[in-house]
Amino acid sequence: MASTLSFVTYNGRGLRQSKKRTRLFAFLHRNKYDVCLIQETHSCIQDEPYWKNEWGGTVFFCYGSKDSCGVCLLIKPSLAVNIHKGCIDVYGRFIVLDIEINK
């Protein structure tokens, strides 16, 4: 029997401020979404370890600039992920992944 997954998308309008990001992550955890697709993160590579630590689960990034673009995909900490293949946009607009998620 196949399990269902819950998805949510969100326009972050910039999530580099820790307070804003912490509130969003708490909201996403509280609502128990399995996969969260976030656009306009305004994230950069230096942010990655902090965001991964704060989220607690699997995170995939595609960076824009500190002022625009950027997307990320957050997967609930309790889900196991197997990555088959993927690619990102060099402009920070999209992530394409072929993954297997085990609930």
Protein backbone atom coordinates (compact mmCIF):
# COMPACT_ATOMS: atom_id res chain seq x y z
CA MET A 1 0.00 0.00 0.00
CA ALA A 2 1.39 3.38 -1.03
CA SER A 3 1.81 6.11 1.57
CA THR A 4 0.73 9.67 0.92
CA LEU A 5 2.98 12.69 1.27
CA SER A 6 1.95 16.23 2.11
CA PHE A 7 3.51 19.10 0.15
CA VAL A 8 3.53 22.84 0.67
CA THR A 9 5.05 25.70 -1.32
CA TYR A 10 6.05 29.02 0.17
CA ASN A 11 7.52 32.28 -1.11
CA GLY A 12 10.13 33.12 1.50
CA ARG A 13 10.74 36.69 0.31
CA GLY A 14 14.20 36.30 1.76
CA LEU A 15 15.00 33.95 4.62
CA ARG A 16 18.51 34.99 5.55
CA GLN A 17 17.33 36.55 8.82
CA SER A 18 17.47 33.84 11.45
CA LYS A 19 14.30 34.99 13.23
CA LYS A 20 12.19 34.85 10.06
CA ARG A 21 13.60 31.46 9.07
CA THR A 22 13.10 30.02 12.58
CA ARG A 23 9.43 31.07 12.55
CA LEU A 24 8.90 29.50 9.12
CA PHE A 25 10.62 26.23 10.07
CA ALA A 26 8.54 26.05 13.28
CA PHE A 27 5.34 26.59 11.26
CA LEU A 28 6.31 23.87 8.77
CA HIS A 29 7.18 21.38 11.53
CA ARG A 30 4.02 22.21 13.48
CA ASN A 31 1.87 21.52 10.40
CA LYS A 32 3.75 18.27 9.73
CA TYR A 33 4.41 18.82 6.03
CA ASP A 34 6.51 16.06 4.48
CA VAL A 35 8.04 18.10 1.65
CA CYS A 36 8.37 21.90 1.63
CA LEU A 37 9.22 23.76 -1.57
CA ILE A 38 10.52 27.25 -0.80
CA GLN A 39 11.22 29.93 -3.41
CA GLU A 40 12.91 33.33 -3.08
CA THR A 41 15.12 32.16 -0.22
CA HIS A 42 17.89 34.68 -1.06
CA SER A 43 20.27 32.05 0.31
CA CYS A 44 23.94 31.58 -0.45
CA ILE A 45 26.32 28.68 0.05
CA GLN A 46 27.54 30.03 3.41
CA ASP A 47 23.98 29.67 4.79
CA GLU A 48 23.72 25.94 4.02
CA PRO A 49 25.14 24.42 7.22
CA TYR A 50 23.02 26.71 9.43
CA TRP A 51 19.80 25.98 7.56
CA LYS A 52 20.44 22.23 7.57
CA ASN A 53 21.08 22.30 11.30
CA GLU A 54 17.98 24.42 11.98
CA TRP A 55 15.70 22.28 9.80
CA GLY A 56 16.98 18.95 11.07
CA GLY A 57 16.08 17.01 7.92
CA THR A 58 17.27 16.76 4.34
CA VAL A 59 17.68 20.08 2.50
CA PHE A 60 18.45 20.67 -1.17
CA PHE A 61 19.57 24.15 -2.27
CA CYS A 62 19.81 26.16 -5.45
CA TYR A 63 21.39 29.53 -4.71
CA GLY A 64 20.57 32.89 -6.18
CA SER A 65 22.06 36.00 -4.64
CA LYS A 66 21.77 37.45 -1.16
CA ASP A 67 19.09 39.79 -2.52
CA SER A 68 17.06 37.65 -4.93
CA CYS A 69 16.26 34.20 -6.28
CA GLY A 70 17.19 30.98 -4.53
CA VAL A 71 15.06 27.91 -3.92
CA CYS A 72 15.26 25.04 -1.49
CA LEU A 73 13.48 21.79 -0.85
CA LEU A 74 13.04 20.71 2.77
CA ILE A 75 12.21 17.12 3.62
CA LYS A 76 10.79 16.17 7.01
CA PRO A 77 13.50 14.83 9.36
CA SER A 78 11.74 11.48 9.86
CA LEU A 79 11.75 10.60 6.14
CA ALA A 80 14.55 8.64 4.46
CA VAL A 81 15.64 10.01 1.09
CA ASN A 82 17.48 8.23 -1.72
CA ILE A 83 18.74 10.56 -4.47
CA HIS A 84 18.80 9.07 -7.96
CA LYS A 85 19.77 12.20 -9.91
CA GLY A 86 19.23 15.91 -9.95
CA CYS A 87 20.18 19.24 -11.45
CA ILE A 88 19.92 22.88 -10.45
CA ASP A 89 19.51 26.12 -12.35
CA VAL A 90 22.61 28.33 -12.30
CA TYR A 91 20.38 31.37 -11.74
CA GLY A 92 18.81 30.01 -8.56
CA ARG A 93 15.34 29.46 -9.98
CA PHE A 94 14.70 25.72 -9.81
CA ILE A 95 15.78 22.29 -8.59
CA VAL A 96 14.97 19.10 -10.52
CA LEU A 97 15.32 15.90 -8.50
CA ASP A 98 14.62 12.23 -9.04
CA ILE A 99 14.39 10.97 -5.47
CA GLU A 100 12.81 8.16 -3.55
CA ILE A 101 11.23 9.01 -0.21
CA ASN A 102 10.49 6.24 2.27
CA LYS A 103 7.89 7.06 4.86
